[in-house]
Amino acid sequence: MIQEALKHFGSEAGVVINTSSIASHNPTPNSVVYSVTKSAVDAMTLALSRELGARKIRVNAIAPGGTTSEGLATSASSAATSRRRSSG
């Protein structure tokens, strides 16, 4: 997607913003694939920022943390109930 977007930047300065996660620096159990892919986003962001800096294109990543939502709370509650039933 970044390659395609760069075709439209022309000679003007621009900004690319990638979405990473705090999981790339602080992984949690059972999140290996997610954490590794977000670490790859961080590495790509750094490499592209160095590569595209000469064209005055800034490349950054945001790394949001976890949030609590009604859906997440419901899912966690269901998972806990299932674990209690299977272990009891």
C-alpha atoms as a PDB file:
ATOM      1  CA  MET A   1       0.000   0.000   0.000  1.00  0.00           C
ATOM      2  CA  ILE A   2       2.863   2.353   0.808  1.00  0.00           C
ATOM      3  CA  GLN A   3       4.460   1.657  -2.579  1.00  0.00           C
ATOM      4  CA  GLU A   4       1.247   2.643  -4.342  1.00  0.00           C
ATOM      5  CA  ALA A   5       0.779   5.752  -2.196  1.00  0.00           C
ATOM      6  CA  LEU A   6       4.323   6.929  -2.919  1.00  0.00           C
ATOM      7  CA  LYS A   7       3.498   7.049  -6.632  1.00  0.00           C
ATOM      8  CA  HIS A   8       1.043   9.853  -5.864  1.00  0.00           C
ATOM      9  CA  PHE A   9       3.353  11.895  -3.636  1.00  0.00           C
ATOM     10  CA  GLY A  10       5.321  13.286  -6.571  1.00  0.00           C
ATOM     11  CA  SER A  11       8.077  15.686  -5.583  1.00  0.00           C
ATOM     12  CA  GLU A  12       6.142  17.108  -2.653  1.00  0.00           C
ATOM     13  CA  ALA A  13       6.820  16.264   0.957  1.00  0.00           C
ATOM     14  CA  GLY A  14       4.460  13.829   2.581  1.00  0.00           C
ATOM     15  CA  VAL A  15       3.699  11.697   5.585  1.00  0.00           C
ATOM     16  CA  VAL A  16       3.161   7.951   5.968  1.00  0.00           C
ATOM     17  CA  ILE A  17       1.615   6.750   9.228  1.00  0.00           C
ATOM     18  CA  ASN A  18       1.721   3.044  10.055  1.00  0.00           C
ATOM     19  CA  THR A  19      -0.240   1.336  12.815  1.00  0.00           C
ATOM     20  CA  SER A  20       1.886  -0.661  15.231  1.00  0.00           C
ATOM     21  CA  SER A  21       1.130  -1.732  18.793  1.00  0.00           C
ATOM     22  CA  ILE A  22       2.740  -1.697  22.200  1.00  0.00           C
ATOM     23  CA  ALA A  23       2.713  -5.491  21.791  1.00  0.00           C
ATOM     24  CA  SER A  24       5.815  -5.116  19.616  1.00  0.00           C
ATOM     25  CA  HIS A  25       7.766  -4.052  22.731  1.00  0.00           C
ATOM     26  CA  ASN A  26       5.684  -5.656  25.460  1.00  0.00           C
ATOM     27  CA  PRO A  27       4.216  -8.934  24.182  1.00  0.00           C
ATOM     28  CA  THR A  28       1.653 -10.838  26.184  1.00  0.00           C
ATOM     29  CA  PRO A  29       1.245 -14.613  26.415  1.00  0.00           C
ATOM     30  CA  ASN A  30      -0.302 -16.261  23.338  1.00  0.00           C
ATOM     31  CA  SER A  31       0.436 -13.255  21.111  1.00  0.00           C
ATOM     32  CA  VAL A  32       3.603 -14.362  19.316  1.00  0.00           C
ATOM     33  CA  VAL A  33       2.367 -13.870  15.750  1.00  0.00           C
ATOM     34  CA  TYR A  34       0.699 -10.542  16.515  1.00  0.00           C
ATOM     35  CA  SER A  35       3.745  -9.220  18.402  1.00  0.00           C
ATOM     36  CA  VAL A  36       6.153 -10.309  15.671  1.00  0.00           C
ATOM     37  CA  THR A  37       4.108  -8.713  12.902  1.00  0.00           C
ATOM     38  CA  LYS A  38       3.884  -5.439  14.827  1.00  0.00           C
ATOM     39  CA  SER A  39       7.666  -5.566  15.372  1.00  0.00           C
ATOM     40  CA  ALA A  40       7.996  -5.918  11.599  1.00  0.00           C
ATOM     41  CA  VAL A  41       5.854  -2.780  11.184  1.00  0.00           C
ATOM     42  CA  ASP A  42       8.250  -0.944  13.515  1.00  0.00           C
ATOM     43  CA  ALA A  43      11.300  -2.108  11.531  1.00  0.00           C
ATOM     44  CA  MET A  44       9.674  -1.195   8.218  1.00  0.00           C
ATOM     45  CA  THR A  45       8.755   2.235   9.581  1.00  0.00           C
ATOM     46  CA  LEU A  46      12.328   2.926  10.669  1.00  0.00           C
ATOM     47  CA  ALA A  47      13.822   1.683   7.394  1.00  0.00           C
ATOM     48  CA  LEU A  48      11.386   3.692   5.276  1.00  0.00           C
ATOM     49  CA  SER A  49      11.901   6.831   7.350  1.00  0.00           C
ATOM     50  CA  ARG A  50      15.616   6.635   6.614  1.00  0.00           C
ATOM     51  CA  GLU A  51      15.076   5.791   2.957  1.00  0.00           C
ATOM     52  CA  LEU A  52      12.429   8.417   2.225  1.00  0.00           C
ATOM     53  CA  GLY A  53      13.806  11.237   4.361  1.00  0.00           C
ATOM     54  CA  ALA A  54      15.760  12.631   1.406  1.00  0.00           C
ATOM     55  CA  ARG A  55      12.426  13.095  -0.407  1.00  0.00           C
ATOM     56  CA  LYS A  56      11.074  14.974   2.619  1.00  0.00           C
ATOM     57  CA  ILE A  57       8.628  12.159   3.329  1.00  0.00           C
ATOM     58  CA  ARG A  58       8.202  11.443   7.019  1.00  0.00           C
ATOM     59  CA  VAL A  59       7.341   7.905   8.086  1.00  0.00           C
ATOM     60  CA  ASN A  60       5.992   7.317  11.583  1.00  0.00           C
ATOM     61  CA  ALA A  61       4.005   4.685  13.435  1.00  0.00           C
ATOM     62  CA  ILE A  62       1.393   4.984  16.114  1.00  0.00           C
ATOM     63  CA  ALA A  63       1.362   2.262  18.756  1.00  0.00           C
ATOM     64  CA  PRO A  64      -1.927   2.188  20.635  1.00  0.00           C
ATOM     65  CA  GLY A  65      -2.257   0.137  23.763  1.00  0.00           C
ATOM     66  CA  GLY A  66      -5.078  -2.137  24.761  1.00  0.00           C
ATOM     67  CA  THR A  67      -8.535  -0.837  25.422  1.00  0.00           C
ATOM     68  CA  THR A  68     -11.471  -2.236  27.304  1.00  0.00           C
ATOM     69  CA  SER A  69     -14.739  -2.435  25.465  1.00  0.00           C
ATOM     70  CA  GLU A  70     -18.095  -4.040  26.083  1.00  0.00           C
ATOM     71  CA  GLY A  71     -17.355  -6.678  23.438  1.00  0.00           C
ATOM     72  CA  LEU A  72     -13.966  -7.490  24.941  1.00  0.00           C
ATOM     73  CA  ALA A  73     -15.437  -7.771  28.429  1.00  0.00           C
ATOM     74  CA  THR A  74     -18.176 -10.109  27.169  1.00  0.00           C
ATOM     75  CA  SER A  75     -15.632 -12.230  25.296  1.00  0.00           C
ATOM     76  CA  ALA A  76     -13.327 -12.469  28.324  1.00  0.00           C
ATOM     77  CA  SER A  77     -16.233 -13.411  30.570  1.00  0.00           C
ATOM     78  CA  SER A  78     -17.347 -16.165  28.166  1.00  0.00           C
ATOM     79  CA  ALA A  79     -13.802 -17.526  27.928  1.00  0.00           C
ATOM     80  CA  ALA A  80     -13.462 -17.618  31.727  1.00  0.00           C
ATOM     81  CA  THR A  81     -16.792 -19.449  32.053  1.00  0.00           C
ATOM     82  CA  SER A  82     -15.704 -21.994  29.428  1.00  0.00           C
ATOM     83  CA  ARG A  83     -12.400 -22.604  31.239  1.00  0.00           C
ATOM     84  CA  ARG A  84     -14.181 -23.158  34.567  1.00  0.00           C
ATOM     85  CA  ARG A  85     -16.587 -25.645  32.980  1.00  0.00           C
ATOM     86  CA  SER A  86     -13.828 -27.617  31.253  1.00  0.00           C
ATOM     87  CA  SER A  87     -11.592 -27.802  34.320  1.00  0.00           C
ATOM     88  CA  GLY A  88     -14.342 -28.634  36.823  1.00  0.00           C
END
